[in-house]
Amino acid sequence: GAAFAQTSASIADSNGAAGLIADVTGGRVNRAHAYPVIALVGIAVTWEVNVFQVIALASRAFALFYLLQCLVAAAVAYEAPDISGRSWRIAGFLALALIALAVVLFGVPAG
C-alpha cells in the first residue's frame, strides 16, 4: 500500500510540475517535453544527494505546509466566535503549528 501511495504521489507531482513548466514558459515547453527534464532532475537529485537528506528535506517541506494549515485553522477559529471551545481550538491549532515549526527548523536526516 505504501509503495502504491508513493507512486501515486510521484505521478501527481510529475503532472503538476509538467503543467507548471508549461505555464511558466508560456507554452514554449509543452508537457510532453517537460517530463524527461523532470525525470532527469529527479534522477540527479537521487544519485547525488544522500537519500536521508532528501527524506528530511521532504519532511520539512510537508511540516511547513502543515504549519501554514494550522495557522489558517487558528485564524478561522478566531474569526468564528460562536463556536464552542473557541479558545481551546485556537490554542490547539497554535500548539500544532509550533510542533510543525520545530520540525521545519530542527529536522535533520536520520543517517
PDB file of N, CA and C in Angstrom:
ATOM      1  N   GLY A   1       0.800  -1.194   0.000  1.00  0.00           N
ATOM      2  CA  GLY A   1       0.000   0.000   0.000  1.00  0.00           C
ATOM      3  C   GLY A   1       0.844   1.260   0.000  1.00  0.00           C
ATOM      4  N   ALA A   2       1.921   1.236   0.803  1.00  0.00           N
ATOM      5  CA  ALA A   2       2.779   2.421   0.878  1.00  0.00           C
ATOM      6  C   ALA A   2       3.461   2.687  -0.463  1.00  0.00           C
ATOM      7  N   ALA A   3       3.877   1.615  -1.138  1.00  0.00           N
ATOM      8  CA  ALA A   3       4.538   1.789  -2.438  1.00  0.00           C
ATOM      9  C   ALA A   3       3.578   2.394  -3.457  1.00  0.00           C
ATOM     10  N   PHE A   4       2.317   1.923  -3.452  1.00  0.00           N
ATOM     11  CA  PHE A   4       1.330   2.480  -4.378  1.00  0.00           C
ATOM     12  C   PHE A   4       1.018   3.935  -4.042  1.00  0.00           C
ATOM     13  N   ALA A   5       0.980   4.272  -2.770  1.00  0.00           N
ATOM     14  CA  ALA A   5       0.724   5.656  -2.367  1.00  0.00           C
ATOM     15  C   ALA A   5       1.847   6.568  -2.846  1.00  0.00           C
ATOM     16  N   GLN A   6       3.085   6.115  -2.702  1.00  0.00           N
ATOM     17  CA  GLN A   6       4.226   6.919  -3.151  1.00  0.00           C
ATOM     18  C   GLN A   6       4.230   7.050  -4.673  1.00  0.00           C
ATOM     19  N   THR A   7       3.896   5.965  -5.366  1.00  0.00           N
ATOM     20  CA  THR A   7       3.837   6.012  -6.830  1.00  0.00           C
ATOM     21  C   THR A   7       2.766   6.991  -7.290  1.00  0.00           C
ATOM     22  N   SER A   8       1.612   6.929  -6.661  1.00  0.00           N
ATOM     23  CA  SER A   8       0.526   7.843  -6.997  1.00  0.00           C
ATOM     24  C   SER A   8       0.943   9.294  -6.748  1.00  0.00           C
ATOM     25  N   ALA A   9       1.609   9.535  -5.625  1.00  0.00           N
ATOM     26  CA  ALA A   9       2.054  10.899  -5.306  1.00  0.00           C
ATOM     27  C   ALA A   9       3.092  11.383  -6.310  1.00  0.00           C
ATOM     28  N   SER A  10       4.009  10.508  -6.713  1.00  0.00           N
ATOM     29  CA  SER A  10       5.043  10.946  -7.661  1.00  0.00           C
ATOM     30  C   SER A  10       4.439  11.235  -9.030  1.00  0.00           C
ATOM     31  N   ILE A  11       3.445  10.460  -9.429  1.00  0.00           N
ATOM     32  CA  ILE A  11       2.781  10.725 -10.709  1.00  0.00           C
ATOM     33  C   ILE A  11       2.045  12.064 -10.645  1.00  0.00           C
ATOM     34  N   ALA A  12       1.344  12.297  -9.553  1.00  0.00           N
ATOM     35  CA  ALA A  12       0.630  13.570  -9.399  1.00  0.00           C
ATOM     36  C   ALA A  12       1.599  14.742  -9.378  1.00  0.00           C
ATOM     37  N   ASP A  13       2.719  14.592  -8.686  1.00  0.00           N
ATOM     38  CA  ASP A  13       3.711  15.673  -8.629  1.00  0.00           C
ATOM     39  C   ASP A  13       4.339  15.908  -9.996  1.00  0.00           C
ATOM     40  N   SER A  14       4.592  14.840 -10.739  1.00  0.00           N
ATOM     41  CA  SER A  14       5.158  14.983 -12.085  1.00  0.00           C
ATOM     42  C   SER A  14       4.183  15.699 -13.002  1.00  0.00           C
ATOM     43  N   ASN A  15       2.913  15.339 -12.921  1.00  0.00           N
ATOM     44  CA  ASN A  15       1.907  16.030 -13.731  1.00  0.00           C
ATOM     45  C   ASN A  15       1.833  17.507 -13.375  1.00  0.00           C
ATOM     46  N   GLY A  16       1.856  17.796 -12.082  1.00  0.00           N
ATOM     47  CA  GLY A  16       1.817  19.191 -11.645  1.00  0.00           C
ATOM     48  C   GLY A  16       3.039  19.967 -12.091  1.00  0.00           C
ATOM     49  N   ALA A  17       4.213  19.353 -11.973  1.00  0.00           N
ATOM     50  CA  ALA A  17       5.447  20.020 -12.381  1.00  0.00           C
ATOM     51  C   ALA A  17       5.470  20.270 -13.886  1.00  0.00           C
ATOM     52  N   ALA A  18       4.990  19.302 -14.656  1.00  0.00           N
ATOM     53  CA  ALA A  18       4.956  19.488 -16.113  1.00  0.00           C
ATOM     54  C   ALA A  18       4.021  20.635 -16.487  1.00  0.00           C
ATOM     55  N   GLY A  19       2.882  20.706 -15.836  1.00  0.00           N
ATOM     56  CA  GLY A  19       1.965  21.811 -16.090  1.00  0.00           C
ATOM     57  C   GLY A  19       2.562  23.150 -15.692  1.00  0.00           C
ATOM     58  N   LEU A  20       3.267  23.168 -14.567  1.00  0.00           N
ATOM     59  CA  LEU A  20       3.912  24.398 -14.108  1.00  0.00           C
ATOM     60  C   LEU A  20       4.985  24.854 -15.098  1.00  0.00           C
ATOM     61  N   ILE A  21       5.795  23.905 -15.568  1.00  0.00           N
ATOM     62  CA  ILE A  21       6.829  24.251 -16.556  1.00  0.00           C
ATOM     63  C   ILE A  21       6.190  24.808 -17.815  1.00  0.00           C
ATOM     64  N   ALA A  22       5.115  24.182 -18.283  1.00  0.00           N
ATOM     65  CA  ALA A  22       4.421  24.673 -19.475  1.00  0.00           C
ATOM     66  C   ALA A  22       3.868  26.079 -19.248  1.00  0.00           C
ATOM     67  N   ASP A  23       3.298  26.328 -18.085  1.00  0.00           N
ATOM     68  CA  ASP A  23       2.748  27.654 -17.784  1.00  0.00           C
ATOM     69  C   ASP A  23       3.834  28.710 -17.656  1.00  0.00           C
ATOM     70  N   VAL A  24       4.910  28.374 -16.939  1.00  0.00           N
ATOM     71  CA  VAL A  24       5.977  29.350 -16.702  1.00  0.00           C
ATOM     72  C   VAL A  24       6.680  29.731 -18.004  1.00  0.00           C
ATOM     73  N   THR A  25       6.816  28.776 -18.907  1.00  0.00           N
ATOM     74  CA  THR A  25       7.486  29.066 -20.182  1.00  0.00           C
ATOM     75  C   THR A  25       6.527  29.610 -21.226  1.00  0.00           C
ATOM     76  N   GLY A  26       5.296  29.866 -20.832  1.00  0.00           N
ATOM     77  CA  GLY A  26       4.321  30.409 -21.776  1.00  0.00           C
ATOM     78  C   GLY A  26       3.986  29.442 -22.898  1.00  0.00           C
ATOM     79  N   GLY A  27       4.103  28.152 -22.633  1.00  0.00           N
ATOM     80  CA  GLY A  27       3.781  27.143 -23.628  1.00  0.00           C
ATOM     81  C   GLY A  27       4.919  26.800 -24.565  1.00  0.00           C
ATOM     82  N   ARG A  28       6.072  27.468 -24.416  1.00  0.00           N
ATOM     83  CA  ARG A  28       7.212  27.156 -25.283  1.00  0.00           C
ATOM     84  C   ARG A  28       7.736  25.744 -25.022  1.00  0.00           C
ATOM     85  N   VAL A  29       7.615  25.297 -23.772  1.00  0.00           N
ATOM     86  CA  VAL A  29       7.942  23.913 -23.436  1.00  0.00           C
ATOM     87  C   VAL A  29       6.622  23.226 -23.136  1.00  0.00           C
ATOM     88  N   ASN A  30       6.259  22.241 -23.960  1.00  0.00           N
ATOM     89  CA  ASN A  30       4.986  21.576 -23.690  1.00  0.00           C
ATOM     90  C   ASN A  30       5.180  20.481 -22.650  1.00  0.00           C
ATOM     91  N   ARG A  31       4.076  19.977 -22.157  1.00  0.00           N
ATOM     92  CA  ARG A  31       4.106  18.993 -21.062  1.00  0.00           C
ATOM     93  C   ARG A  31       4.893  17.749 -21.452  1.00  0.00           C
ATOM     94  N   ALA A  32       4.732  17.296 -22.666  1.00  0.00           N
ATOM     95  CA  ALA A  32       5.414  16.068 -23.097  1.00  0.00           C
ATOM     96  C   ALA A  32       6.932  16.221 -23.036  1.00  0.00           C
ATOM     97  N   HIS A  33       7.427  17.399 -23.326  1.00  0.00           N
ATOM     98  CA  HIS A  33       8.871  17.627 -23.271  1.00  0.00           C
ATOM     99  C   HIS A  33       9.351  17.917 -21.852  1.00  0.00           C
ATOM    100  N   ALA A  34       8.452  18.292 -20.980  1.00  0.00           N
ATOM    101  CA  ALA A  34       8.835  18.599 -19.598  1.00  0.00           C
ATOM    102  C   ALA A  34       9.093  17.323 -18.792  1.00  0.00           C
ATOM    103  N   TYR A  35       8.393  16.235 -19.117  1.00  0.00           N
ATOM    104  CA  TYR A  35       8.541  15.001 -18.336  1.00  0.00           C
ATOM    105  C   TYR A  35       9.974  14.458 -18.316  1.00  0.00           C
ATOM    106  N   PRO A  36      10.683  14.411 -19.459  1.00  0.00           N
ATOM    107  CA  PRO A  36      12.080  13.927 -19.388  1.00  0.00           C
ATOM    108  C   PRO A  36      12.968  14.823 -18.524  1.00  0.00           C
ATOM    109  N   VAL A  37      12.729  16.130 -18.563  1.00  0.00           N
ATOM    110  CA  VAL A  37      13.510  17.049 -17.728  1.00  0.00           C
ATOM    111  C   VAL A  37      13.242  16.769 -16.256  1.00  0.00           C
ATOM    112  N   ILE A  38      11.972  16.585 -15.911  1.00  0.00           N
ATOM    113  CA  ILE A  38      11.603  16.282 -14.526  1.00  0.00           C
ATOM    114  C   ILE A  38      12.250  14.972 -14.086  1.00  0.00           C
ATOM    115  N   ALA A  39      12.222  13.960 -14.962  1.00  0.00           N
ATOM    116  CA  ALA A  39      12.826  12.664 -14.634  1.00  0.00           C
ATOM    117  C   ALA A  39      14.333  12.799 -14.438  1.00  0.00           C
ATOM    118  N   LEU A  40      14.996  13.547 -15.311  1.00  0.00           N
ATOM    119  CA  LEU A  40      16.451  13.718 -15.181  1.00  0.00           C
ATOM    120  C   LEU A  40      16.822  14.460 -13.900  1.00  0.00           C
ATOM    121  N   VAL A  41      16.060  15.472 -13.550  1.00  0.00           N
ATOM    122  CA  VAL A  41      16.326  16.197 -12.302  1.00  0.00           C
ATOM    123  C   VAL A  41      16.116  15.269 -11.111  1.00  0.00           C
ATOM    124  N   GLY A  42      15.049  14.488 -11.141  1.00  0.00           N
ATOM    125  CA  GLY A  42      14.796  13.538 -10.056  1.00  0.00           C
ATOM    126  C   GLY A  42      15.894  12.507  -9.929  1.00  0.00           C
ATOM    127  N   ILE A  43      16.348  11.987 -11.043  1.00  0.00           N
ATOM    128  CA  ILE A  43      17.449  11.013 -11.025  1.00  0.00           C
ATOM    129  C   ILE A  43      18.725  11.657 -10.501  1.00  0.00           C
ATOM    130  N   ALA A  44      19.018  12.870 -10.946  1.00  0.00           N
ATOM    131  CA  ALA A  44      20.225  13.563 -10.487  1.00  0.00           C
ATOM    132  C   ALA A  44      20.192  13.815  -8.987  1.00  0.00           C
ATOM    133  N   VAL A  45      19.058  14.246  -8.491  1.00  0.00           N
ATOM    134  CA  VAL A  45      18.943  14.501  -7.053  1.00  0.00           C
ATOM    135  C   VAL A  45      19.120  13.202  -6.280  1.00  0.00           C
ATOM    136  N   THR A  46      18.453  12.156  -6.737  1.00  0.00           N
ATOM    137  CA  THR A  46      18.556  10.862  -6.057  1.00  0.00           C
ATOM    138  C   THR A  46      19.978  10.317  -6.098  1.00  0.00           C
ATOM    139  N   TRP A  47      20.661  10.508  -7.207  1.00  0.00           N
ATOM    140  CA  TRP A  47      22.012   9.990  -7.382  1.00  0.00           C
ATOM    141  C   TRP A  47      23.037  10.766  -6.554  1.00  0.00           C
ATOM    142  N   GLU A  48      22.885  12.068  -6.489  1.00  0.00           N
ATOM    143  CA  GLU A  48      23.910  12.924  -5.897  1.00  0.00           C
ATOM    144  C   GLU A  48      23.702  13.240  -4.420  1.00  0.00           C
ATOM    145  N   VAL A  49      22.499  13.098  -3.929  1.00  0.00           N
ATOM    146  CA  VAL A  49      22.200  13.516  -2.562  1.00  0.00           C
ATOM    147  C   VAL A  49      21.906  12.285  -1.713  1.00  0.00           C
ATOM    148  N   ASN A  50      22.322  12.329  -0.485  1.00  0.00           N
ATOM    149  CA  ASN A  50      22.040  11.260   0.462  1.00  0.00           C
ATOM    150  C   ASN A  50      20.525  11.106   0.591  1.00  0.00           C
ATOM    151  N   VAL A  51      20.049   9.865   0.470  1.00  0.00           N
ATOM    152  CA  VAL A  51      18.610   9.619   0.495  1.00  0.00           C
ATOM    153  C   VAL A  51      17.978  10.112   1.796  1.00  0.00           C
ATOM    154  N   PHE A  52      18.714  10.033   2.902  1.00  0.00           N
ATOM    155  CA  PHE A  52      18.166  10.524   4.166  1.00  0.00           C
ATOM    156  C   PHE A  52      18.009  12.042   4.156  1.00  0.00           C
ATOM    157  N   GLN A  53      18.903  12.729   3.440  1.00  0.00           N
ATOM    158  CA  GLN A  53      18.772  14.178   3.317  1.00  0.00           C
ATOM    159  C   GLN A  53      17.547  14.554   2.490  1.00  0.00           C
ATOM    160  N   VAL A  54      17.295  13.775   1.426  1.00  0.00           N
ATOM    161  CA  VAL A  54      16.113  14.025   0.599  1.00  0.00           C
ATOM    162  C   VAL A  54      14.844  13.826   1.421  1.00  0.00           C
ATOM    163  N   ILE A  55      14.802  12.736   2.191  1.00  0.00           N
ATOM    164  CA  ILE A  55      13.627  12.457   3.019  1.00  0.00           C
ATOM    165  C   ILE A  55      13.442  13.539   4.072  1.00  0.00           C
ATOM    166  N   ALA A  56      14.551  13.974   4.686  1.00  0.00           N
ATOM    167  CA  ALA A  56      14.458  15.038   5.693  1.00  0.00           C
ATOM    168  C   ALA A  56      13.968  16.341   5.070  1.00  0.00           C
ATOM    169  N   LEU A  57      14.464  16.655   3.877  1.00  0.00           N
ATOM    170  CA  LEU A  57      14.021  17.874   3.196  1.00  0.00           C
ATOM    171  C   LEU A  57      12.536  17.790   2.854  1.00  0.00           C
ATOM    172  N   ALA A  58      12.089  16.647   2.348  1.00  0.00           N
ATOM    173  CA  ALA A  58      10.673  16.484   2.023  1.00  0.00           C
ATOM    174  C   ALA A  58       9.815  16.572   3.280  1.00  0.00           C
ATOM    175  N   SER A  59      10.289  15.988   4.370  1.00  0.00           N
ATOM    176  CA  SER A  59       9.536  16.040   5.626  1.00  0.00           C
ATOM    177  C   SER A  59       9.428  17.470   6.139  1.00  0.00           C
ATOM    178  N   ARG A  60      10.507  18.219   5.995  1.00  0.00           N
ATOM    179  CA  ARG A  60      10.478  19.609   6.434  1.00  0.00           C
ATOM    180  C   ARG A  60       9.523  20.422   5.564  1.00  0.00           C
ATOM    181  N   ALA A  61       9.482  20.131   4.273  1.00  0.00           N
ATOM    182  CA  ALA A  61       8.555  20.832   3.378  1.00  0.00           C
ATOM    183  C   ALA A  61       7.108  20.514   3.756  1.00  0.00           C
ATOM    184  N   PHE A  62       6.810  19.248   4.052  1.00  0.00           N
ATOM    185  CA  PHE A  62       5.466  18.889   4.494  1.00  0.00           C
ATOM    186  C   PHE A  62       5.136  19.576   5.817  1.00  0.00           C
ATOM    187  N   ALA A  63       6.100  19.638   6.719  1.00  0.00           N
ATOM    188  CA  ALA A  63       5.868  20.290   8.008  1.00  0.00           C
ATOM    189  C   ALA A  63       5.557  21.775   7.806  1.00  0.00           C
ATOM    190  N   LEU A  64       6.241  22.411   6.856  1.00  0.00           N
ATOM    191  CA  LEU A  64       5.956  23.815   6.557  1.00  0.00           C
ATOM    192  C   LEU A  64       4.527  23.969   6.034  1.00  0.00           C
ATOM    193  N   PHE A  65       4.112  23.062   5.166  1.00  0.00           N
ATOM    194  CA  PHE A  65       2.740  23.091   4.657  1.00  0.00           C
ATOM    195  C   PHE A  65       1.752  22.948   5.811  1.00  0.00           C
ATOM    196  N   TYR A  66       1.985  21.972   6.702  1.00  0.00           N
ATOM    197  CA  TYR A  66       1.073  21.760   7.827  1.00  0.00           C
ATOM    198  C   TYR A  66       1.109  22.923   8.804  1.00  0.00           C
ATOM    199  N   LEU A  67       2.256  23.558   8.968  1.00  0.00           N
ATOM    200  CA  LEU A  67       2.351  24.758   9.795  1.00  0.00           C
ATOM    201  C   LEU A  67       1.402  25.828   9.260  1.00  0.00           C
ATOM    202  N   LEU A  68       1.444  26.053   7.964  1.00  0.00           N
ATOM    203  CA  LEU A  68       0.567  27.053   7.361  1.00  0.00           C
ATOM    204  C   LEU A  68      -0.899  26.665   7.510  1.00  0.00           C
ATOM    205  N   GLN A  69      -1.204  25.372   7.367  1.00  0.00           N
ATOM    206  CA  GLN A  69      -2.576  24.902   7.540  1.00  0.00           C
ATOM    207  C   GLN A  69      -3.065  25.150   8.968  1.00  0.00           C
ATOM    208  N   CYS A  70      -2.188  24.910   9.942  1.00  0.00           N
ATOM    209  CA  CYS A  70      -2.561  25.147  11.344  1.00  0.00           C
ATOM    210  C   CYS A  70      -2.819  26.625  11.599  1.00  0.00           C
ATOM    211  N   LEU A  71      -2.012  27.486  11.005  1.00  0.00           N
ATOM    212  CA  LEU A  71      -2.226  28.921  11.177  1.00  0.00           C
ATOM    213  C   LEU A  71      -3.534  29.364  10.540  1.00  0.00           C
ATOM    214  N   VAL A  72      -3.861  28.806   9.388  1.00  0.00           N
ATOM    215  CA  VAL A  72      -5.149  29.119   8.753  1.00  0.00           C
ATOM    216  C   VAL A  72      -6.299  28.637   9.638  1.00  0.00           C
ATOM    217  N   ALA A  73      -6.169  27.428  10.166  1.00  0.00           N
ATOM    218  CA  ALA A  73      -7.226  26.894  11.036  1.00  0.00           C
ATOM    219  C   ALA A  73      -7.401  27.757  12.281  1.00  0.00           C
ATOM    220  N   ALA A  74      -6.300  28.222  12.862  1.00  0.00           N
ATOM    221  CA  ALA A  74      -6.385  29.095  14.036  1.00  0.00           C
ATOM    222  C   ALA A  74      -7.068  30.411  13.674  1.00  0.00           C
ATOM    223  N   ALA A  75      -6.753  30.944  12.502  1.00  0.00           N
ATOM    224  CA  ALA A  75      -7.373  32.200  12.075  1.00  0.00           C
ATOM    225  C   ALA A  75      -8.869  32.018  11.842  1.00  0.00           C
ATOM    226  N   VAL A  76      -9.253  30.895  11.248  1.00  0.00           N
ATOM    227  CA  VAL A  76     -10.672  30.634  11.019  1.00  0.00           C
ATOM    228  C   VAL A  76     -11.400  30.480  12.353  1.00  0.00           C
ATOM    229  N   ALA A  77     -10.790  29.764  13.290  1.00  0.00           N
ATOM    230  CA  ALA A  77     -11.401  29.600  14.619  1.00  0.00           C
ATOM    231  C   ALA A  77     -11.515  30.950  15.319  1.00  0.00           C
ATOM    232  N   TYR A  78     -10.529  31.794  15.150  1.00  0.00           N
ATOM    233  CA  TYR A  78     -10.554  33.127  15.766  1.00  0.00           C
ATOM    234  C   TYR A  78     -11.692  33.973  15.187  1.00  0.00           C
ATOM    235  N   GLU A  79     -11.929  33.845  13.891  1.00  0.00           N
ATOM    236  CA  GLU A  79     -12.968  34.643  13.229  1.00  0.00           C
ATOM    237  C   GLU A  79     -14.371  34.105  13.465  1.00  0.00           C
ATOM    238  N   ALA A  80     -14.487  32.918  14.036  1.00  0.00           N
ATOM    239  CA  ALA A  80     -15.806  32.321  14.271  1.00  0.00           C
ATOM    240  C   ALA A  80     -16.079  32.261  15.766  1.00  0.00           C
ATOM    241  N   PRO A  81     -16.468  33.383  16.366  1.00  0.00           N
ATOM    242  CA  PRO A  81     -16.617  33.441  17.817  1.00  0.00           C
ATOM    243  C   PRO A  81     -17.783  32.631  18.362  1.00  0.00           C
ATOM    244  N   ASP A  82     -18.689  32.180  17.513  1.00  0.00           N
ATOM    245  CA  ASP A  82     -19.867  31.478  18.010  1.00  0.00           C
ATOM    246  C   ASP A  82     -19.662  29.977  18.180  1.00  0.00           C
ATOM    247  N   ILE A  83     -18.474  29.452  17.890  1.00  0.00           N
ATOM    248  CA  ILE A  83     -18.263  28.019  18.059  1.00  0.00           C
ATOM    249  C   ILE A  83     -17.871  27.713  19.503  1.00  0.00           C
ATOM    250  N   SER A  84     -18.278  26.538  19.963  1.00  0.00           N
ATOM    251  CA  SER A  84     -17.955  26.181  21.347  1.00  0.00           C
ATOM    252  C   SER A  84     -16.492  25.763  21.445  1.00  0.00           C
ATOM    253  N   GLY A  85     -15.870  26.072  22.543  1.00  0.00           N
ATOM    254  CA  GLY A  85     -14.473  25.730  22.755  1.00  0.00           C
ATOM    255  C   GLY A  85     -13.523  26.488  21.851  1.00  0.00           C
ATOM    256  N   ARG A  86     -13.918  27.695  21.469  1.00  0.00           N
ATOM    257  CA  ARG A  86     -13.124  28.500  20.532  1.00  0.00           C
ATOM    258  C   ARG A  86     -11.699  28.696  21.012  1.00  0.00           C
ATOM    259  N   SER A  87     -11.532  29.066  22.275  1.00  0.00           N
ATOM    260  CA  SER A  87     -10.187  29.321  22.805  1.00  0.00           C
ATOM    261  C   SER A  87      -9.332  28.061  22.776  1.00  0.00           C
ATOM    262  N   TRP A  88      -9.950  26.923  23.131  1.00  0.00           N
ATOM    263  CA  TRP A  88      -9.205  25.659  23.116  1.00  0.00           C
ATOM    264  C   TRP A  88      -8.821  25.258  21.702  1.00  0.00           C
ATOM    265  N   ARG A  89      -9.690  25.499  20.767  1.00  0.00           N
ATOM    266  CA  ARG A  89      -9.383  25.177  19.372  1.00  0.00           C
ATOM    267  C   ARG A  89      -8.222  26.024  18.870  1.00  0.00           C
ATOM    268  N   ILE A  90      -8.290  27.307  19.139  1.00  0.00           N
ATOM    269  CA  ILE A  90      -7.203  28.202  18.708  1.00  0.00           C
ATOM    270  C   ILE A  90      -5.890  27.760  19.351  1.00  0.00           C
ATOM    271  N   ALA A  91      -5.914  27.493  20.650  1.00  0.00           N
ATOM    272  CA  ALA A  91      -4.698  27.060  21.353  1.00  0.00           C
ATOM    273  C   ALA A  91      -4.183  25.744  20.782  1.00  0.00           C
ATOM    274  N   GLY A  92      -5.075  24.832  20.472  1.00  0.00           N
ATOM    275  CA  GLY A  92      -4.668  23.550  19.899  1.00  0.00           C
ATOM    276  C   GLY A  92      -4.026  23.713  18.538  1.00  0.00           C
ATOM    277  N   PHE A  93      -4.629  24.532  17.681  1.00  0.00           N
ATOM    278  CA  PHE A  93      -4.062  24.764  16.359  1.00  0.00           C
ATOM    279  C   PHE A  93      -2.695  25.441  16.457  1.00  0.00           C
ATOM    280  N   LEU A  94      -2.564  26.385  17.377  1.00  0.00           N
ATOM    281  CA  LEU A  94      -1.276  27.059  17.544  1.00  0.00           C
ATOM    282  C   LEU A  94      -0.227  26.128  18.129  1.00  0.00           C
ATOM    283  N   ALA A  95      -0.628  25.226  19.026  1.00  0.00           N
ATOM    284  CA  ALA A  95       0.319  24.241  19.559  1.00  0.00           C
ATOM    285  C   ALA A  95       0.812  23.315  18.452  1.00  0.00           C
ATOM    286  N   LEU A  96      -0.094  22.888  17.599  1.00  0.00           N
ATOM    287  CA  LEU A  96       0.311  22.053  16.466  1.00  0.00           C
ATOM    288  C   LEU A  96       1.208  22.825  15.507  1.00  0.00           C
ATOM    289  N   ALA A  97       0.924  24.107  15.337  1.00  0.00           N
ATOM    290  CA  ALA A  97       1.772  24.942  14.487  1.00  0.00           C
ATOM    291  C   ALA A  97       3.183  25.032  15.058  1.00  0.00           C
ATOM    292  N   LEU A  98       3.299  25.133  16.376  1.00  0.00           N
ATOM    293  CA  LEU A  98       4.629  25.183  16.996  1.00  0.00           C
ATOM    294  C   LEU A  98       5.391  23.871  16.809  1.00  0.00           C
ATOM    295  N   ILE A  99       4.687  22.761  16.899  1.00  0.00           N
ATOM    296  CA  ILE A  99       5.338  21.469  16.663  1.00  0.00           C
ATOM    297  C   ILE A  99       5.831  21.394  15.218  1.00  0.00           C
ATOM    298  N   ALA A 100       4.990  21.808  14.277  1.00  0.00           N
ATOM    299  CA  ALA A 100       5.397  21.807  12.875  1.00  0.00           C
ATOM    300  C   ALA A 100       6.573  22.752  12.647  1.00  0.00           C
ATOM    301  N   LEU A 101       6.568  23.891  13.308  1.00  0.00           N
ATOM    302  CA  LEU A 101       7.686  24.829  13.193  1.00  0.00           C
ATOM    303  C   LEU A 101       8.976  24.200  13.710  1.00  0.00           C
ATOM    304  N   ALA A 102       8.897  23.450  14.798  1.00  0.00           N
ATOM    305  CA  ALA A 102      10.081  22.765  15.328  1.00  0.00           C
ATOM    306  C   ALA A 102      10.632  21.768  14.312  1.00  0.00           C
ATOM    307  N   VAL A 103       9.751  21.061  13.624  1.00  0.00           N
ATOM    308  CA  VAL A 103      10.200  20.120  12.586  1.00  0.00           C
ATOM    309  C   VAL A 103      10.878  20.876  11.449  1.00  0.00           C
ATOM    310  N   VAL A 104      10.277  21.994  11.030  1.00  0.00           N
ATOM    311  CA  VAL A 104      10.858  22.785   9.954  1.00  0.00           C
ATOM    312  C   VAL A 104      12.257  23.276  10.339  1.00  0.00           C
ATOM    313  N   LEU A 105      12.401  23.760  11.565  1.00  0.00           N
ATOM    314  CA  LEU A 105      13.664  24.358  11.974  1.00  0.00           C
ATOM    315  C   LEU A 105      14.729  23.333  12.390  1.00  0.00           C
ATOM    316  N   PHE A 106      14.301  22.249  13.005  1.00  0.00           N
ATOM    317  CA  PHE A 106      15.269  21.336  13.621  1.00  0.00           C
ATOM    318  C   PHE A 106      15.314  19.946  12.989  1.00  0.00           C
ATOM    319  N   GLY A 107      14.536  19.698  11.947  1.00  0.00           N
ATOM    320  CA  GLY A 107      14.530  18.388  11.305  1.00  0.00           C
ATOM    321  C   GLY A 107      15.885  18.086  10.680  1.00  0.00           C
ATOM    322  N   VAL A 108      16.430  16.937  11.005  1.00  0.00           N
ATOM    323  CA  VAL A 108      17.733  16.537  10.475  1.00  0.00           C
ATOM    324  C   VAL A 108      17.629  15.116   9.898  1.00  0.00           C
ATOM    325  N   PRO A 109      18.494  14.774   8.954  1.00  0.00           N
ATOM    326  CA  PRO A 109      18.486  13.427   8.397  1.00  0.00           C
ATOM    327  C   PRO A 109      18.824  12.379   9.468  1.00  0.00           C
ATOM    328  N   ALA A 110      18.265  11.191   9.315  1.00  0.00           N
ATOM    329  CA  ALA A 110      18.479  10.122  10.285  1.00  0.00           C
ATOM    330  C   ALA A 110      19.866   9.493  10.141  1.00  0.00           C
ATOM    331  N   GLY A 111      20.396   9.456   8.949  1.00  0.00           N
ATOM    332  CA  GLY A 111      21.656   8.722   8.749  1.00  0.00           C
ATOM    333  C   GLY A 111      22.829   9.545   8.368  1.00  0.00           C
TER     334      GLY A 111
END
